[in-house]
Amino acid sequence: MKKVLLVVVLTMAMVVGLIGCGNKSNSGTNATPTSAGTDSGSNSGTNSGTDSSTDAGTDSSAIDTSEHVVITYMTTGDAPTNGATEEVLAKLNEILTEKVNAELQIYYISWTDWLSNYNLTLAQMDGTVDLVGTATDWLDAWPNTQKGAFLPLSEDMLQTYAPQTWASVTQDHWNMCKYDGEIYLMPEDNYAQWINHGFMYRNDWATAAGLDGVHSWADLTKYFEYVKATYPDVIPWDSDGSAYLASGYIQSNSNYVAIDGLSVPIFGTTQSDLYTVYSPFYEGDALVEYAKLMKQWDELGVWKTDVLNNSADNREEFYLGETAVDQHHTETWYGTVKPKMDEQQPGSDVGFFYFGEESQNLVKLSITHGAMAISAASKNPERALMVYDLLRNDPECYNLINIGLEGVQYEVVDDGYYQRPASYTDEANGITTNYWWGRNDSIALKYAGRAWSDYEELTAIYKTFAIDYPYGQVVWSQDNFTSQISNISDIYNEYMPKICFGKFDDAESIVAEFRAKLQAAGIEDVIADLQTQMDAFKAAQ
């Protein structure tokens, strides 16, 4: 497939923000790594070259590595303060020095104003960083490529300095990492993860409510009604008012496919017509029906009356049995919440109702949701590639960067699993490397404290109908509608809290008012421009 790259000047919005995921700060420590083991999932099944688990390590014998260099790896997240990460890096650097005469240091972009600071650091082009964790859907990979922030990676360069990575990534996947014919990204394409959102709920309560699990928004409403009637002290969903779930409802009740990388998450296509742009927020009945349901939930008392000013920690309340649901994605469900609920609320048997379940409408995560790039200002790009090849493919280096020191952060148990030592605590021993740009299921140990059987059962269902994201090679330009999209963003942020939490008198009226303002702001011009770009993309197929 020929790639079409359309010029971008505005910052791409973080995709997970569409439905209340917020930033990745919940992964700011490697206390519970997100490896999905050997599951084929959304990004896996792609190792078509050498088996990195049997031939790990870059052969540097023919490469001049006589000068010791420091390679700086830039990642998002707050820097650790407990000293554990430094201990891990010390051990890792012993190995890197032996193999490629280099050491690794980490440059953290704090979550405070993270995207602006990330882009400013890259724009300085002062050689501060070498390896750059990036993404096409939430970390401006293509705009930064266009601005010259990343180094083009020739096939010869990759084959020489990152041979195992080169061999393990298919040609189709390398093509997805190209801009203007040049490779700029190394994709995290052999790591399964599902970050599709939904509601986590208690199966014990669902069964008592007469439900065979929660599998629709109607089921969820019945579940809430039961909780409200049976447990008057429980807030069914103690939301803090920040989760705008209109897209999730629309996804569940149509074949809507959201377009990533735009400043306002209200544009998309449908699975039945992937080349016609529209906004279900501007037309159709789905938003009205969603508003009606949210009004019903508000009147039922699903959340507190002051939900838009609520600061409650819903997840902690879920663990304590004080609320009936938690809202996040599949990875959080099986990796964190369900195992902890099994401990704190025995018998709760937490299930997961995912958005798109009713309509079997699910889009897989792009392989460049996490990717590694080399800064164009790096003074040692070849050595940076050699270090990356080890981090991604050498089991010892991989375990260190992802889970830490054996005996301190983890201990191996049978069948490729690991667990935390009895002496481990997050506060004292948790590490923060935030290595989300080269995880590798071929060599990863599985964390034994996760609900693997439940995960494998659910993701097997996902794989029967989930589609690949269709527009991973498109960089949408907002050049021609900068003022319109800015105004639309303001209107979206004004009306979504009201609509998503039922703070209005009449659903039809609030949606009509919202749409009238969108029209006045120029949404039809935006749709027309996006359609022109889509037509160019289609013509190039």
Protein backbone atom coordinates (compact mmCIF):
# COMPACT_ATOMS: atom_id res chain seq x y z
CA MET A 1 0.00 0.00 0.00
CA LYS A 2 1.37 3.35 -0.98
CA LYS A 3 1.64 5.73 1.89
CA VAL A 4 0.20 9.21 1.73
CA LEU A 5 1.48 11.70 4.28
CA LEU A 6 -0.55 14.84 4.70
CA VAL A 7 1.07 17.85 6.32
CA VAL A 8 0.32 18.54 10.00
CA VAL A 9 0.91 21.73 11.95
CA LEU A 10 -1.17 21.24 15.06
CA THR A 11 -0.45 18.89 17.93
CA MET A 12 -2.21 15.54 17.75
CA ALA A 13 -4.57 14.80 20.62
CA MET A 14 -3.81 11.80 22.79
CA VAL A 15 -6.13 9.04 21.62
CA VAL A 16 -6.81 7.52 24.94
CA GLY A 17 -8.20 10.85 26.07
CA LEU A 18 -11.26 10.22 23.89
CA ILE A 19 -12.96 8.23 26.59
CA GLY A 20 -11.48 9.37 29.81
CA CYS A 21 -8.18 7.50 29.95
CA GLY A 22 -6.23 10.64 30.69
CA ASN A 23 -2.44 10.33 30.58
CA LYS A 24 -0.33 7.26 31.25
CA SER A 25 0.59 8.23 34.74
CA ASN A 26 -0.94 5.03 36.08
CA SER A 27 2.03 3.29 34.44
CA GLY A 28 4.56 5.72 35.87
CA THR A 29 6.17 2.90 37.82
CA ASN A 30 7.12 -0.49 36.50
CA ALA A 31 5.63 -2.06 39.64
CA THR A 32 3.15 -4.06 37.55
CA PRO A 33 4.53 -4.36 34.00
CA THR A 34 2.06 -4.79 31.18
CA SER A 35 3.63 -7.66 29.28
CA ALA A 36 1.04 -9.85 27.62
CA GLY A 37 3.46 -12.72 27.23
CA THR A 38 3.10 -14.69 24.02
CA ASP A 39 -0.52 -13.83 23.34
CA SER A 40 -0.95 -12.92 19.69
CA GLY A 41 -3.16 -9.90 20.51
CA SER A 42 -3.38 -6.69 18.60
CA ASN A 43 0.25 -6.10 17.74
CA SER A 44 1.75 -9.55 17.72
CA GLY A 45 2.44 -12.41 15.39
CA THR A 46 4.88 -10.29 13.44
CA ASN A 47 8.29 -11.84 14.05
CA SER A 48 9.11 -13.16 10.61
CA GLY A 49 12.88 -12.96 10.87
CA THR A 50 15.44 -14.29 13.29
CA ASP A 51 14.34 -15.57 16.66
CA SER A 52 15.59 -12.89 19.02
CA SER A 53 15.16 -15.15 22.02
CA THR A 54 17.84 -17.55 20.78
CA ASP A 55 20.37 -15.13 19.27
CA ALA A 56 20.22 -12.12 21.54
CA GLY A 57 22.74 -9.30 21.49
CA THR A 58 24.18 -7.08 18.80
CA ASP A 59 27.46 -8.44 17.33
CA SER A 60 29.74 -5.43 17.65
CA SER A 61 32.95 -7.23 16.67
CA ALA A 62 33.17 -5.51 13.29
CA ILE A 63 32.00 -2.11 14.58
CA ASP A 64 34.29 0.44 16.19
CA THR A 65 33.07 0.79 19.77
CA SER A 66 36.41 1.82 21.25
CA GLU A 67 35.01 5.09 22.62
CA HIS A 68 32.69 4.73 25.60
CA VAL A 69 29.49 6.74 25.07
CA VAL A 70 26.43 7.67 27.10
CA ILE A 71 23.10 7.13 25.36
CA THR A 72 20.21 9.20 26.70
CA TYR A 73 16.75 7.70 26.38
CA MET A 74 13.81 10.13 26.60
CA THR A 75 10.48 8.93 27.93
CA THR A 76 7.31 10.44 29.35
CA GLY A 77 6.69 10.18 33.08
CA ASP A 78 7.84 11.54 36.39
CA ALA A 79 11.38 10.71 37.49
CA PRO A 80 11.65 8.15 40.31
CA THR A 81 12.88 9.15 43.75
CA ASN A 82 13.44 5.88 45.63
CA GLY A 83 16.83 4.96 44.12
CA ALA A 84 15.68 1.58 42.78
CA THR A 85 15.81 2.58 39.12
CA GLU A 86 19.39 3.78 39.51
CA GLU A 87 20.38 0.39 40.93
CA VAL A 88 18.80 -1.35 37.95
CA LEU A 89 20.52 0.98 35.49
CA ALA A 90 23.87 0.31 37.14
CA LYS A 91 23.51 -3.41 36.42
CA LEU A 92 22.15 -2.78 32.94
CA ASN A 93 25.06 -0.47 32.14
CA GLU A 94 27.55 -3.15 33.13
CA ILE A 95 26.09 -5.32 30.38
CA LEU A 96 25.79 -2.52 27.82
CA THR A 97 29.39 -1.52 28.46
CA GLU A 98 30.57 -5.09 27.97
CA LYS A 99 28.57 -5.64 24.78
CA VAL A 100 28.65 -2.26 22.99
CA ASN A 101 30.76 0.00 25.26
CA ALA A 102 27.85 2.28 26.05
CA GLU A 103 25.70 3.16 29.04
CA LEU A 104 22.10 4.30 29.27
CA GLN A 105 20.64 7.22 31.16
CA ILE A 106 16.99 8.24 31.22
CA TYR A 107 15.62 11.71 30.54
CA TYR A 108 12.11 12.04 31.95
CA ILE A 109 9.41 14.35 30.60
CA SER A 110 7.23 15.01 33.64
CA TRP A 111 3.47 14.53 33.28
CA THR A 112 3.00 18.22 34.10
CA ASP A 113 2.44 19.85 30.68
CA TRP A 114 4.04 16.74 29.22
CA LEU A 115 3.25 17.10 25.51
CA SER A 116 4.47 20.69 25.25
CA ASN A 117 7.69 19.89 27.12
CA TYR A 118 8.22 16.76 25.04
CA ASN A 119 7.98 18.69 21.79
CA LEU A 120 10.11 21.57 23.10
CA THR A 121 12.87 19.17 24.13
CA LEU A 122 12.96 17.67 20.67
CA ALA A 123 12.85 21.08 19.00
CA GLN A 124 16.00 22.22 20.83
CA MET A 125 18.09 19.85 18.69
CA ASP A 126 21.00 20.22 21.11
CA GLY A 127 22.03 16.58 21.37
CA THR A 128 20.45 16.21 24.82
CA VAL A 129 18.72 12.97 23.85
CA ASP A 130 19.47 10.00 21.59
CA LEU A 131 16.70 7.39 21.87
CA VAL A 132 13.21 8.91 21.83
CA GLY A 133 10.07 7.09 22.85
CA THR A 134 7.31 8.28 20.55
CA ALA A 135 3.90 7.42 19.10
CA THR A 136 1.86 8.37 16.09
CA ASP A 137 -1.42 8.66 17.99
CA TRP A 138 -0.49 10.46 21.21
CA LEU A 139 3.10 11.73 21.02
CA ASP A 140 3.31 13.65 17.73
CA ALA A 141 5.62 11.22 15.95
CA TRP A 142 4.71 12.38 12.43
CA PRO A 143 4.68 16.13 13.14
CA ASN A 144 8.09 15.81 14.79
CA THR A 145 9.33 13.79 11.83
CA GLN A 146 8.20 16.54 9.50
CA LYS A 147 9.98 19.13 11.60
CA GLY A 148 13.26 17.22 11.27
CA ALA A 149 13.42 16.05 14.89
CA PHE A 150 14.04 12.40 14.00
CA LEU A 151 16.84 10.77 12.06
CA PRO A 152 15.97 8.79 8.91
CA LEU A 153 17.05 5.17 9.39
CA SER A 154 18.36 3.52 6.24
CA GLU A 155 17.94 -0.21 5.75
CA ASP A 156 21.72 -0.61 5.81
CA MET A 157 21.94 1.30 9.09
CA LEU A 158 19.25 -0.86 10.71
CA GLN A 159 20.74 -4.09 9.40
CA THR A 160 24.18 -3.11 10.68
CA TYR A 161 23.41 -1.60 14.09
CA ALA A 162 20.03 -3.14 14.98
CA PRO A 163 20.11 -6.46 13.12
CA GLN A 164 17.68 -8.35 15.33
CA THR A 165 15.11 -5.58 15.27
CA TRP A 166 15.49 -5.32 11.52
CA ALA A 167 14.96 -9.06 11.06
CA SER A 168 11.98 -9.32 13.40
CA VAL A 169 9.88 -6.53 11.85
CA THR A 170 8.05 -7.41 8.65
CA GLN A 171 8.39 -5.29 5.54
CA ASP A 172 4.75 -4.25 5.80
CA HIS A 173 5.40 -2.95 9.29
CA TRP A 174 8.54 -1.11 8.23
CA ASN A 175 6.46 0.52 5.51
CA MET A 176 4.11 1.80 8.19
CA CYS A 177 7.09 3.53 9.82
CA LYS A 178 8.09 5.49 6.72
CA TYR A 179 7.74 9.16 5.93
CA ASP A 180 8.50 10.30 2.39
CA GLY A 181 10.05 6.91 1.65
CA GLU A 182 12.38 6.85 4.66
CA ILE A 183 12.06 4.77 7.87
CA TYR A 184 11.91 6.96 10.97
CA LEU A 185 10.36 4.70 13.61
CA MET A 186 11.02 1.26 15.08
CA PRO A 187 7.58 -0.11 15.96
CA GLU A 188 6.48 -2.00 19.05
CA ASP A 189 4.88 -4.59 16.82
CA ASN A 190 5.47 -7.81 18.74
CA TYR A 191 3.69 -6.82 21.92
CA ALA A 192 0.01 -7.53 22.53
CA GLN A 193 -2.02 -4.91 24.32
CA TRP A 194 -5.65 -3.93 24.26
CA ILE A 195 -6.43 -0.46 25.57
CA ASN A 196 -10.04 -0.39 24.42
CA HIS A 197 -12.19 1.09 27.14
CA GLY A 198 -15.24 -0.09 29.00
CA PHE A 199 -16.71 -0.63 32.46
CA MET A 200 -15.44 -3.11 35.05
CA TYR A 201 -18.29 -4.45 37.17
CA ARG A 202 -18.95 -7.04 39.89
CA ASN A 203 -20.30 -10.32 38.55
CA ASP A 204 -21.63 -11.28 41.98
CA TRP A 205 -23.86 -8.22 41.95
CA ALA A 206 -24.74 -8.65 38.28
CA THR A 207 -25.89 -12.21 38.94
CA ALA A 208 -27.98 -11.05 41.87
CA ALA A 209 -29.52 -8.46 39.53
CA GLY A 210 -30.65 -11.27 37.23
CA LEU A 211 -27.98 -10.62 34.62
CA ASP A 212 -25.68 -13.09 32.93
CA GLY A 213 -22.89 -10.56 33.05
CA VAL A 214 -23.05 -7.00 31.69
CA HIS A 215 -22.90 -6.99 27.90
CA SER A 216 -24.70 -3.81 26.89
CA TRP A 217 -25.54 -0.31 28.05
CA ALA A 218 -29.04 -1.59 28.85
CA ASP A 219 -27.52 -4.30 31.06
CA LEU A 220 -25.39 -1.66 32.74
CA THR A 221 -28.46 0.42 33.50
CA LYS A 222 -30.21 -2.59 35.05
CA TYR A 223 -27.08 -3.30 37.09
CA PHE A 224 -27.03 0.27 38.38
CA GLU A 225 -30.72 0.09 39.28
CA TYR A 226 -30.09 -3.08 41.28
CA VAL A 227 -27.12 -1.57 43.12
CA LYS A 228 -29.04 1.60 43.91
CA ALA A 229 -31.97 -0.36 45.31
CA THR A 230 -29.94 -2.98 47.18
CA TYR A 231 -26.96 -1.04 48.48
CA PRO A 232 -28.14 2.49 49.28
CA ASP A 233 -24.74 3.52 50.64
CA VAL A 234 -22.95 2.54 47.43
CA ILE A 235 -22.47 5.13 44.66
CA PRO A 236 -23.01 3.08 41.48
CA TRP A 237 -20.29 5.01 39.62
CA ASP A 238 -18.48 7.64 41.69
CA SER A 239 -17.08 9.43 38.65
CA ASP A 240 -14.99 12.57 38.94
CA GLY A 241 -16.75 14.02 35.90
CA SER A 242 -13.79 13.75 33.55
CA ALA A 243 -14.80 10.67 31.54
CA TYR A 244 -16.71 11.70 28.41
CA LEU A 245 -18.06 8.41 27.13
CA ALA A 246 -20.18 9.54 24.20
CA SER A 247 -17.76 7.95 21.73
CA GLY A 248 -17.99 4.67 23.62
CA TYR A 249 -21.78 4.69 23.40
CA ILE A 250 -21.68 5.58 19.70
CA GLN A 251 -19.13 2.82 19.06
CA SER A 252 -21.40 0.36 20.85
CA ASN A 253 -24.44 1.32 18.81
CA SER A 254 -22.97 1.72 15.33
CA ASN A 255 -19.93 0.78 13.25
CA TYR A 256 -18.28 4.14 13.85
CA VAL A 257 -14.49 4.29 13.42
CA ALA A 258 -12.91 7.30 15.12
CA ILE A 259 -10.09 9.15 13.35
CA ASP A 260 -7.00 9.57 15.51
CA GLY A 261 -4.74 12.59 15.60
CA LEU A 262 -7.21 15.47 15.49
CA SER A 263 -7.52 18.14 18.13
CA VAL A 264 -11.16 17.30 18.87
CA PRO A 265 -12.21 13.61 18.99
CA ILE A 266 -15.52 13.87 17.15
CA PHE A 267 -14.68 12.89 13.55
CA GLY A 268 -14.57 9.51 11.91
CA THR A 269 -15.92 7.09 9.34
CA THR A 270 -17.80 3.79 9.47
CA GLN A 271 -16.66 0.23 8.89
CA SER A 272 -19.12 0.05 6.01
CA ASP A 273 -17.66 3.17 4.39
CA LEU A 274 -14.09 3.80 5.51
CA TYR A 275 -13.56 6.69 3.10
CA THR A 276 -16.46 9.01 3.97
CA VAL A 277 -15.81 11.40 6.85
CA TYR A 278 -18.60 12.46 9.18
CA SER A 279 -19.23 13.39 12.80
CA PRO A 280 -21.81 11.44 14.80
CA PHE A 281 -21.60 14.30 17.27
CA TYR A 282 -23.01 16.59 14.57
CA GLU A 283 -25.51 14.31 12.87
CA GLY A 284 -27.56 11.19 13.53
CA ASP A 285 -29.55 9.95 16.51
CA ALA A 286 -26.82 8.30 18.58
CA LEU A 287 -25.79 11.38 20.55
CA VAL A 288 -29.42 12.16 21.41
CA GLU A 289 -29.98 8.59 22.62
CA TYR A 290 -26.80 8.77 24.68
CA ALA A 291 -27.91 12.06 26.24
CA LYS A 292 -31.26 10.51 27.17
CA LEU A 293 -29.49 7.62 28.88
CA MET A 294 -27.16 9.94 30.77
CA LYS A 295 -30.16 11.95 31.97
CA GLN A 296 -31.72 8.70 33.17
CA TRP A 297 -28.51 7.79 35.00
CA ASP A 298 -28.31 11.23 36.56
CA GLU A 299 -31.87 11.01 37.85
CA LEU A 300 -31.24 7.47 39.09
CA GLY A 301 -28.29 8.70 41.14
CA VAL A 302 -25.58 6.74 39.36
CA TRP A 303 -23.12 9.46 40.36
CA LYS A 304 -23.07 12.21 42.95
CA THR A 305 -25.07 15.34 42.27
CA ASP A 306 -21.85 17.40 42.24
CA VAL A 307 -20.14 14.97 39.85
CA LEU A 308 -18.55 17.76 37.81
CA ASN A 309 -16.70 18.94 40.92
CA ASN A 310 -16.10 15.52 42.46
CA SER A 311 -12.55 14.55 43.49
CA ALA A 312 -13.26 11.00 44.66
CA ASP A 313 -10.90 8.15 43.79
CA ASN A 314 -13.37 5.80 42.14
CA ARG A 315 -10.93 2.88 41.81
CA GLU A 316 -9.99 2.89 45.47
CA GLU A 317 -13.68 3.01 46.33
CA PHE A 318 -14.25 0.03 44.02
CA TYR A 319 -11.63 -1.93 45.95
CA LEU A 320 -13.41 -0.99 49.20
CA GLY A 321 -16.85 -2.01 47.92
CA GLU A 322 -18.11 1.56 47.96
CA THR A 323 -18.86 1.85 44.24
CA ALA A 324 -20.13 -0.66 41.67
CA VAL A 325 -17.96 -0.02 38.60
CA ASP A 326 -14.62 1.26 37.46
CA GLN A 327 -14.05 2.72 34.00
CA HIS A 328 -10.83 2.08 32.09
CA HIS A 329 -9.41 -0.37 29.53
CA THR A 330 -8.80 -4.08 29.10
CA GLU A 331 -5.19 -3.96 30.29
CA THR A 332 -6.22 -2.31 33.56
CA TRP A 333 -9.05 -4.81 34.06
CA TYR A 334 -7.07 -8.04 33.87
CA GLY A 335 -3.72 -6.66 34.99
CA THR A 336 -4.66 -4.56 38.00
CA VAL A 337 -8.28 -4.31 39.04
CA LYS A 338 -9.55 -7.88 38.80
CA PRO A 339 -6.60 -9.42 40.70
CA LYS A 340 -6.82 -6.79 43.43
CA MET A 341 -10.60 -7.16 43.72
CA ASP A 342 -10.15 -10.92 44.08
CA GLU A 343 -8.06 -10.13 47.16
CA GLN A 344 -10.07 -7.26 48.64
CA GLN A 345 -13.58 -8.29 47.59
CA PRO A 346 -13.49 -12.12 47.42
CA GLY A 347 -16.15 -13.52 45.12
CA SER A 348 -16.65 -10.27 43.26
CA ASP A 349 -15.39 -11.91 40.03
CA VAL A 350 -14.94 -8.60 38.20
CA GLY A 351 -16.07 -8.65 34.58
CA PHE A 352 -15.46 -6.24 31.73
CA PHE A 353 -18.09 -4.68 29.48
CA TYR A 354 -16.18 -3.18 26.56
CA PHE A 355 -17.43 -0.42 24.32
CA GLY A 356 -18.41 -1.92 20.97
CA GLU A 357 -19.53 -5.23 22.46
CA GLU A 358 -23.11 -4.98 21.22
CA SER A 359 -22.11 -4.02 17.69
CA GLN A 360 -18.87 -6.05 17.55
CA ASN A 361 -17.12 -2.84 16.65
CA LEU A 362 -13.51 -2.76 17.78
CA VAL A 363 -10.37 -1.28 16.25
CA LYS A 364 -6.94 -2.70 17.06
CA LEU A 365 -4.18 -0.56 18.46
CA SER A 366 -1.71 0.80 15.92
CA ILE A 367 1.77 -0.77 15.97
CA THR A 368 3.13 2.78 16.32
CA HIS A 369 1.13 3.51 19.47
CA GLY A 370 4.58 2.91 20.93
CA ALA A 371 7.73 3.27 18.81
CA MET A 372 11.36 4.28 19.19
CA ALA A 373 13.06 6.99 17.14
CA ILE A 374 16.58 8.39 17.05
CA SER A 375 16.97 12.12 17.61
CA ALA A 376 18.33 13.87 14.52
CA ALA A 377 20.69 15.72 16.87
CA SER A 378 22.11 12.55 18.43
CA LYS A 379 25.90 12.52 18.46
CA ASN A 380 25.94 8.70 18.55
CA PRO A 381 23.00 7.41 16.49
CA GLU A 382 24.73 4.13 15.57
CA ARG A 383 25.49 3.28 19.18
CA ALA A 384 21.96 4.30 20.15
CA LEU A 385 20.63 1.72 17.70
CA MET A 386 22.94 -0.91 19.15
CA VAL A 387 21.67 -0.17 22.65
CA TYR A 388 18.06 -0.31 21.49
CA ASP A 389 18.65 -3.65 19.77
CA LEU A 390 19.84 -5.05 23.09
CA LEU A 391 17.00 -3.55 25.13
CA ARG A 392 14.47 -5.01 22.74
CA ASN A 393 15.99 -8.42 22.05
CA ASP A 394 18.51 -9.49 24.71
CA PRO A 395 16.60 -11.30 27.50
CA GLU A 396 18.86 -10.06 30.29
CA CYS A 397 18.75 -6.43 29.15
CA TYR A 398 15.04 -6.72 28.42
CA ASN A 399 14.19 -7.97 31.89
CA LEU A 400 16.28 -5.27 33.50
CA ILE A 401 14.70 -2.36 31.61
CA ASN A 402 11.18 -3.76 32.02
CA ILE A 403 10.98 -5.43 35.43
CA GLY A 404 14.28 -4.85 37.23
CA LEU A 405 16.77 -6.95 39.17
CA GLU A 406 16.08 -10.61 39.77
CA GLY A 407 15.73 -11.19 43.48
CA VAL A 408 14.81 -7.56 44.15
CA GLN A 409 12.00 -6.60 41.75
CA TYR A 410 11.11 -10.10 40.59
CA GLU A 411 11.72 -13.81 40.90
CA VAL A 412 11.08 -16.37 38.19
CA VAL A 413 8.46 -19.04 38.73
CA ASP A 414 7.49 -21.97 36.51
CA ASP A 415 6.53 -21.75 32.84
CA GLY A 416 7.91 -18.31 32.01
CA TYR A 417 6.14 -16.39 34.76
CA TYR A 418 7.53 -14.12 37.44
CA GLN A 419 6.25 -12.85 40.74
CA ARG A 420 7.29 -10.20 43.25
CA PRO A 421 9.56 -11.28 46.09
CA ALA A 422 7.97 -11.31 49.53
CA SER A 423 10.10 -8.33 50.53
CA TYR A 424 9.03 -6.22 47.53
CA THR A 425 7.06 -2.99 47.92
CA ASP A 426 6.29 -0.42 45.24
CA GLU A 427 7.49 2.38 47.49
CA ALA A 428 10.91 0.89 48.15
CA ASN A 429 11.53 -1.26 45.09
CA GLY A 430 9.35 0.00 42.24
CA ILE A 431 11.29 1.15 39.18
CA THR A 432 10.35 3.74 36.57
CA THR A 433 11.76 3.22 33.10
CA ASN A 434 8.50 3.59 31.16
CA TYR A 435 9.85 1.45 28.34
CA TRP A 436 6.73 1.47 26.16
CA TRP A 437 8.56 1.53 22.82
CA GLY A 438 10.01 -1.91 22.21
CA ARG A 439 8.37 -4.52 24.37
CA ASN A 440 8.70 -8.01 22.92
CA ASP A 441 6.36 -10.91 23.67
CA SER A 442 8.89 -13.41 22.29
CA ILE A 443 11.13 -13.02 25.35
CA ALA A 444 8.92 -11.35 27.96
CA LEU A 445 8.17 -13.03 31.27
CA LYS A 446 4.52 -12.97 32.27
CA TYR A 447 3.56 -11.44 35.61
CA ALA A 448 1.91 -14.19 37.63
CA GLY A 449 -0.34 -11.73 39.46
CA ARG A 450 -2.54 -11.09 36.46
CA ALA A 451 -5.84 -12.68 35.45
CA TRP A 452 -4.41 -14.41 32.39
CA SER A 453 -7.15 -16.96 31.71
CA ASP A 454 -9.82 -14.24 31.76
CA TYR A 455 -7.69 -12.05 29.50
CA GLU A 456 -7.05 -14.82 26.99
CA GLU A 457 -10.73 -15.74 26.89
CA LEU A 458 -11.81 -12.16 26.24
CA THR A 459 -9.11 -11.26 23.72
CA ALA A 460 -9.87 -14.44 21.77
CA ILE A 461 -13.32 -12.90 21.25
CA TYR A 462 -11.81 -9.56 20.28
CA LYS A 463 -9.72 -11.16 17.57
CA THR A 464 -12.78 -12.61 15.83
CA PHE A 465 -13.98 -9.18 14.71
CA ALA A 466 -11.50 -6.40 15.60
CA ILE A 467 -10.17 -4.54 12.55
CA ASP A 468 -6.81 -2.89 11.97
CA TYR A 469 -6.81 0.89 12.36
CA PRO A 470 -7.26 2.03 8.74
CA TYR A 471 -5.42 5.37 8.83
CA GLY A 472 -2.13 4.66 10.55
CA GLN A 473 -0.17 6.07 7.62
CA VAL A 474 -2.14 9.30 7.31
CA VAL A 475 -1.03 12.53 8.97
CA TRP A 476 -4.09 14.73 9.05
CA SER A 477 -3.54 18.40 8.32
CA GLN A 478 -5.41 21.00 10.35
CA ASP A 479 -3.76 23.85 8.44
CA ASN A 480 -6.90 24.96 6.66
CA PHE A 481 -9.18 25.04 9.69
CA THR A 482 -7.08 26.15 12.65
CA SER A 483 -9.55 28.76 13.85
CA GLN A 484 -12.55 26.49 13.31
CA ILE A 485 -11.06 23.56 15.20
CA SER A 486 -10.08 25.85 18.06
CA ASN A 487 -13.65 27.10 18.36
CA ILE A 488 -15.03 23.58 18.05
CA SER A 489 -12.73 22.47 20.86
CA ASP A 490 -14.11 25.19 23.12
CA ILE A 491 -17.69 24.18 22.32
CA TYR A 492 -16.90 20.49 22.89
CA ASN A 493 -15.38 21.23 26.29
CA GLU A 494 -18.39 23.36 27.22
CA TYR A 495 -21.09 20.86 26.27
CA MET A 496 -19.60 17.42 26.84
CA PRO A 497 -19.62 17.64 30.66
CA LYS A 498 -23.30 18.59 30.59
CA ILE A 499 -24.31 15.93 28.06
CA CYS A 500 -22.17 13.13 29.53
CA PHE A 501 -23.50 13.61 33.05
CA GLY A 502 -27.11 14.54 32.36
CA LYS A 503 -26.89 18.14 33.49
CA PHE A 504 -29.63 19.52 31.24
CA ASP A 505 -33.43 19.59 31.02
CA ASP A 506 -34.10 17.95 27.66
CA ALA A 507 -31.83 15.70 25.56
CA GLU A 508 -33.07 16.81 22.15
CA SER A 509 -32.72 20.47 23.09
CA ILE A 510 -29.19 20.24 24.51
CA VAL A 511 -27.92 18.26 21.51
CA ALA A 512 -29.61 20.64 19.07
CA GLU A 513 -28.02 23.59 20.85
CA PHE A 514 -24.62 21.88 20.78
CA ARG A 515 -24.91 21.14 17.07
CA ALA A 516 -26.04 24.64 16.21
CA LYS A 517 -22.91 26.01 17.84
CA LEU A 518 -20.75 23.46 16.02
CA GLN A 519 -22.28 24.56 12.74
CA ALA A 520 -21.67 28.22 13.51
CA ALA A 521 -18.07 27.37 14.42
CA GLY A 522 -17.47 25.85 10.99
CA ILE A 523 -17.68 22.11 11.55
CA GLU A 524 -18.95 21.57 8.00
CA ASP A 525 -15.80 23.25 6.65
CA VAL A 526 -13.68 20.93 8.79
CA ILE A 527 -15.51 17.84 7.55
CA ALA A 528 -15.15 18.99 3.94
CA ASP A 529 -11.41 19.53 4.33
CA LEU A 530 -10.92 16.17 6.02
CA GLN A 531 -12.89 14.56 3.20
CA THR A 532 -10.53 16.12 0.65
CA GLN A 533 -7.60 14.60 2.52
CA MET A 534 -9.39 11.26 2.75
CA ASP A 535 -10.03 11.30 -1.01
CA ALA A 536 -6.31 11.81 -1.63
CA PHE A 537 -5.50 8.91 0.70
CA LYS A 538 -8.02 6.67 -1.06
CA ALA A 539 -6.69 7.59 -4.50
CA ALA A 540 -3.21 6.49 -3.47
CA GLN A 541 -4.32 3.02 -2.37
